[in-house]
Amino acid sequence: MANSLVSIQILPKTNKNDNVIPYVDEAISIIDASGIKYEVHPLETTLEGNLTEIFTVIEQMNQKMIDMGCSNVISQIKVLYQPSGASMDQLTEKYRT
């Protein structure tokens, strides 16, 4: 059972102010490869799963940005940790049609 929801917005500092979309796409591909449930939103991506596993993926995302030539990365993170269980669907079901 998932115990956490974590939303992340990754802001890589690129050389020469390159377009960051390819970098963000690469970060999302790391989430996708992890097998963790996630949803992409316009300003952030939300992951649902085990907190330790999610933070491991976030570390991989940040390292990938450095490997791609970024001098640094800002990751803005929001965390809901709920040992009894956490679900994106449960929190948003009344808004879904």
Protein backbone atom coordinates (compact mmCIF):
# COMPACT_ATOMS: atom_id res chain seq x y z
CA MET A 1 0.00 0.00 0.00
CA ALA A 2 1.22 3.47 -0.84
CA ASN A 3 2.04 5.58 2.19
CA SER A 4 2.95 8.81 0.43
CA LEU A 5 2.04 11.32 -2.21
CA VAL A 6 4.94 13.46 -3.37
CA SER A 7 4.66 16.28 -5.88
CA ILE A 8 7.84 17.50 -7.52
CA GLN A 9 8.69 20.38 -9.79
CA ILE A 10 12.23 20.06 -11.10
CA LEU A 11 14.04 23.20 -12.26
CA PRO A 12 17.37 22.38 -13.93
CA LYS A 13 19.87 25.19 -14.50
CA THR A 14 20.92 24.63 -18.10
CA ASN A 15 23.83 26.03 -20.03
CA LYS A 16 23.01 29.14 -22.06
CA ASN A 17 19.41 29.10 -20.78
CA ASP A 18 18.47 26.13 -22.98
CA ASN A 19 14.85 25.06 -23.24
CA VAL A 20 14.21 22.95 -20.12
CA ILE A 21 11.43 20.82 -21.61
CA PRO A 22 13.80 18.06 -22.86
CA TYR A 23 15.32 17.94 -19.38
CA VAL A 24 11.91 17.70 -17.72
CA ASP A 25 10.92 14.99 -20.21
CA GLU A 26 14.02 13.03 -19.20
CA ALA A 27 13.16 13.43 -15.50
CA ILE A 28 9.64 12.13 -16.16
CA SER A 29 11.07 9.17 -18.07
CA ILE A 30 12.99 8.22 -14.92
CA ILE A 31 9.74 8.26 -12.95
CA ASP A 32 8.06 6.17 -15.65
CA ALA A 33 10.86 3.58 -15.63
CA SER A 34 10.59 3.25 -11.84
CA GLY A 35 7.13 1.71 -12.03
CA ILE A 36 5.82 4.12 -9.40
CA LYS A 37 2.29 5.41 -10.05
CA TYR A 38 2.38 9.06 -11.15
CA GLU A 39 0.42 11.83 -12.82
CA VAL A 40 1.93 14.69 -14.82
CA HIS A 41 0.30 18.08 -14.25
CA PRO A 42 1.17 21.41 -15.89
CA LEU A 43 3.42 22.65 -13.06
CA GLU A 44 4.44 19.47 -11.23
CA THR A 45 4.31 15.70 -11.25
CA THR A 46 2.75 13.72 -8.40
CA LEU A 47 4.02 10.29 -7.40
CA GLU A 48 2.13 7.76 -5.26
CA GLY A 49 4.03 5.07 -3.40
CA ASN A 50 6.51 4.29 -0.68
CA LEU A 51 8.29 7.40 0.59
CA THR A 52 11.77 5.82 0.54
CA GLU A 53 11.32 4.58 -3.04
CA ILE A 54 10.01 7.96 -4.19
CA PHE A 55 12.97 9.82 -2.70
CA THR A 56 15.32 7.36 -4.43
CA VAL A 57 13.69 8.26 -7.77
CA ILE A 58 13.97 11.98 -6.99
CA GLU A 59 17.68 11.52 -6.31
CA GLN A 60 18.05 9.75 -9.68
CA MET A 61 16.20 12.59 -11.42
CA ASN A 62 18.49 15.21 -9.92
CA GLN A 63 21.61 13.23 -10.79
CA LYS A 64 20.40 12.80 -14.38
CA MET A 65 20.11 16.58 -14.74
CA ILE A 66 23.74 16.95 -13.63
CA ASP A 67 24.77 14.13 -16.00
CA MET A 68 23.03 16.05 -18.81
CA GLY A 69 25.24 19.08 -18.13
CA CYS A 70 23.19 21.17 -15.71
CA SER A 71 25.26 23.05 -13.15
CA ASN A 72 22.58 22.62 -10.47
CA VAL A 73 18.97 21.59 -9.93
CA ILE A 74 16.21 22.98 -7.75
CA SER A 75 13.56 20.43 -6.79
CA GLN A 76 10.45 21.85 -5.18
CA ILE A 77 8.80 19.01 -3.31
CA LYS A 78 5.53 18.61 -1.42
CA VAL A 79 5.03 15.48 0.68
CA LEU A 80 1.97 13.82 2.18
CA TYR A 81 3.17 10.98 4.40
CA GLN A 82 0.29 8.91 5.75
CA PRO A 83 1.25 5.46 7.08
CA SER A 84 -2.40 4.32 6.96
CA GLY A 85 -2.36 4.81 3.18
CA ALA A 86 -2.36 7.62 0.63
CA SER A 87 -4.04 7.73 -2.77
CA MET A 88 -4.31 10.39 -5.47
CA ASP A 89 -7.60 8.90 -6.59
CA GLN A 90 -9.08 9.01 -3.10
CA LEU A 91 -8.10 12.66 -2.59
CA THR A 92 -9.44 13.81 -5.95
CA GLU A 93 -12.36 11.47 -6.67
CA LYS A 94 -15.03 14.12 -6.02
CA TYR A 95 -13.49 16.30 -8.76
CA ARG A 96 -13.39 13.60 -11.42
CA THR A 97 -16.26 13.26 -13.86
